[in-house]
Protein backbone atom coordinates (compact mmCIF):
# COMPACT_ATOMS: atom_id res chain seq x y z
CA MET A 1 0.00 0.00 0.00
CA THR A 2 2.72 2.51 0.91
CA LYS A 3 5.90 0.93 -0.45
CA ASP A 4 6.26 3.45 -3.28
CA LEU A 5 5.39 6.52 -1.18
CA SER A 6 7.75 8.93 0.58
CA PRO A 7 7.39 9.41 4.36
CA GLU A 8 5.69 12.77 3.72
CA GLN A 9 3.20 11.14 1.35
CA ILE A 10 2.41 8.43 3.91
CA ILE A 11 1.78 11.08 6.60
CA ASP A 12 -0.48 13.04 4.21
CA LYS A 13 -2.36 9.86 3.31
CA LEU A 14 -2.90 8.94 6.99
CA ASN A 15 -4.12 12.45 7.88
CA HIS A 16 -6.47 12.50 4.88
CA PHE A 17 -7.81 9.01 5.69
CA CYS A 18 -8.66 10.17 9.25
CA SER A 19 -10.02 13.59 8.25
CA GLN A 20 -13.68 12.66 8.75
CA SER A 21 -13.36 10.71 11.99
CA ALA A 22 -12.95 11.06 15.74
CA VAL A 23 -9.20 11.26 15.10
CA ALA A 24 -9.57 14.62 13.32
CA HIS A 25 -12.23 15.82 15.77
CA LEU A 26 -9.74 15.41 18.63
CA GLY A 27 -7.05 17.25 16.65
CA ILE A 28 -4.76 14.24 16.27
CA LYS A 29 -2.33 14.72 13.39
CA PHE A 30 0.25 12.25 12.15
CA SER A 31 3.55 14.09 12.06
CA LYS A 32 6.53 11.80 11.46
CA ILE A 33 7.42 8.34 10.23
CA THR A 34 10.75 6.51 10.36
CA ASP A 35 11.79 2.96 9.54
CA ASP A 36 10.47 1.72 12.89
CA THR A 37 8.31 4.47 14.44
CA LEU A 38 5.21 6.51 13.70
CA GLU A 39 4.42 9.77 15.51
CA ALA A 40 1.34 11.92 15.98
CA THR A 41 0.50 15.03 17.96
CA LEU A 42 -2.54 16.02 19.99
CA PRO A 43 -3.33 19.51 21.31
CA LEU A 44 -4.52 19.98 24.87
CA ASP A 45 -7.66 22.11 24.44
CA HIS A 46 -11.40 22.02 25.17
CA ARG A 47 -11.79 18.84 23.07
CA THR A 48 -9.11 16.86 24.88
CA GLN A 49 -9.13 17.96 28.51
CA GLN A 50 -11.17 16.76 31.43
CA PRO A 51 -13.11 19.27 33.58
CA PHE A 52 -10.05 19.97 35.76
CA GLY A 53 -8.06 21.11 32.73
CA LEU A 54 -5.79 18.07 32.45
CA LEU A 55 -5.44 15.76 29.46
CA HIS A 56 -8.34 13.30 29.60
CA GLY A 57 -7.18 9.71 30.12
CA GLY A 58 -9.63 8.42 27.53
CA VAL A 59 -8.19 10.82 24.99
CA SER A 60 -4.70 9.55 25.81
CA ALA A 61 -6.01 6.07 25.08
CA ALA A 62 -7.56 7.30 21.82
CA LEU A 63 -4.20 8.74 20.73
CA ALA A 64 -2.46 5.47 21.65
CA GLU A 65 -4.99 3.32 19.79
CA THR A 66 -4.88 5.63 16.78
CA LEU A 67 -1.10 5.35 16.54
CA GLY A 68 -0.92 1.60 17.13
CA SER A 69 -3.74 0.92 14.67
CA ALA A 70 -2.21 3.13 11.99
CA GLY A 71 1.19 1.53 12.42
CA SER A 72 -0.36 -1.91 12.21
CA SER A 73 -2.33 -0.96 9.10
CA LEU A 74 0.85 0.21 7.40
CA MET A 75 2.30 -3.27 7.92
CA CYS A 76 -0.72 -5.04 6.39
CA ASN A 77 -1.04 -5.94 2.73
CA ALA A 78 -3.90 -4.61 0.59
CA GLU A 79 -6.09 -7.62 1.42
CA GLN A 80 -5.77 -7.27 5.21
CA ILE A 81 -7.19 -5.07 7.94
CA ALA A 82 -5.94 -4.56 11.50
CA VAL A 83 -8.49 -4.49 14.34
CA GLY A 84 -7.68 -3.74 17.97
CA THR A 85 -8.31 -6.51 20.45
CA GLU A 86 -6.65 -5.20 23.62
CA LEU A 87 -5.39 -1.83 24.82
CA SER A 88 -3.68 -1.08 28.12
CA ILE A 89 -2.40 2.31 29.20
CA SER A 90 -0.58 3.56 32.28
CA HIS A 91 -0.77 7.28 32.99
CA LEU A 92 2.50 8.40 34.56
CA LYS A 93 2.38 12.21 34.58
CA SER A 94 -0.45 14.65 33.98
CA VAL A 95 -0.39 17.06 31.06
CA LYS A 96 -1.72 20.55 31.83
CA LYS A 97 -0.98 22.47 28.61
CA GLY A 98 0.51 22.35 25.16
CA MET A 99 0.95 19.56 22.70
CA VAL A 100 1.21 15.84 23.40
CA THR A 101 3.36 13.71 21.09
CA GLY A 102 2.79 9.99 20.73
CA VAL A 103 5.39 7.60 19.35
CA THR A 104 4.62 4.00 18.45
CA LYS A 105 6.85 1.11 17.50
CA PRO A 106 6.13 -2.56 16.87
CA LEU A 107 6.98 -5.15 19.49
CA HIS A 108 5.64 -8.14 17.52
CA LEU A 109 4.67 -8.36 13.84
CA GLY A 110 3.07 -11.75 13.36
CA GLY A 111 0.92 -13.01 10.53
CA SER A 112 -2.29 -12.98 12.56
CA SER A 113 -1.48 -10.53 15.36
CA GLN A 114 0.67 -7.51 16.05
CA VAL A 115 1.66 -5.82 19.31
CA TRP A 116 2.58 -2.13 19.41
CA GLN A 117 4.05 0.00 22.19
CA ILE A 118 2.98 3.64 22.35
CA GLU A 119 4.65 6.31 24.48
CA LEU A 120 3.11 9.75 25.08
CA PHE A 121 5.26 12.79 25.86
CA ASP A 122 4.52 16.38 26.90
CA GLU A 123 6.19 19.39 25.27
CA GLU A 124 9.17 19.13 27.62
CA GLY A 125 9.81 15.54 26.55
CA ASN A 126 8.55 13.98 29.78
CA LEU A 127 7.06 10.50 29.44
CA CYS A 128 3.42 10.94 30.47
CA ALA A 129 1.86 7.61 29.51
CA ILE A 130 2.84 4.25 28.10
CA SER A 131 0.50 1.93 26.28
CA ARG A 132 0.41 -1.43 24.56
CA LEU A 133 -2.02 -2.32 21.78
CA THR A 134 -2.68 -5.78 20.39
CA ASN A 135 -4.21 -5.98 16.92
CA ARG A 136 -5.66 -8.95 15.11
CA ILE A 137 -4.88 -9.11 11.40
CA LEU A 138 -7.93 -10.15 9.38
CA GLU A 139 -8.49 -10.77 5.69
CA LYS A 140 -10.85 -8.25 4.07
CA ARG A 141 -14.12 -9.77 2.95
């Protein structure tokens, strides 16, 4: 699907694909791709904070699942789809302002399942949450 595309084209394609979904509504934007990582950013604003002004834990989980699912999808062939089966997240430090950056990398790339680790950082580079997502790889019908 993306073998002939540049990293910038892959990022544009991911952002366009998510433009009419909860991903775009929350302000999540894919921002960087390397040989073994995918990154996205999320602004802390009225859409993403809880009533006390901190980053909402469910939104952190949404960012983590978005990154892990996108990474998994990039590893699938055109006849496959990745679906999440388990997500765990540990919140380590609250985020009170600015931009959150998520970075995902694969831990296991099997034929029927994949496991991705996702780390979330605040603007100062502090690790704020760590997550693990397991995806099942299914054949499209």
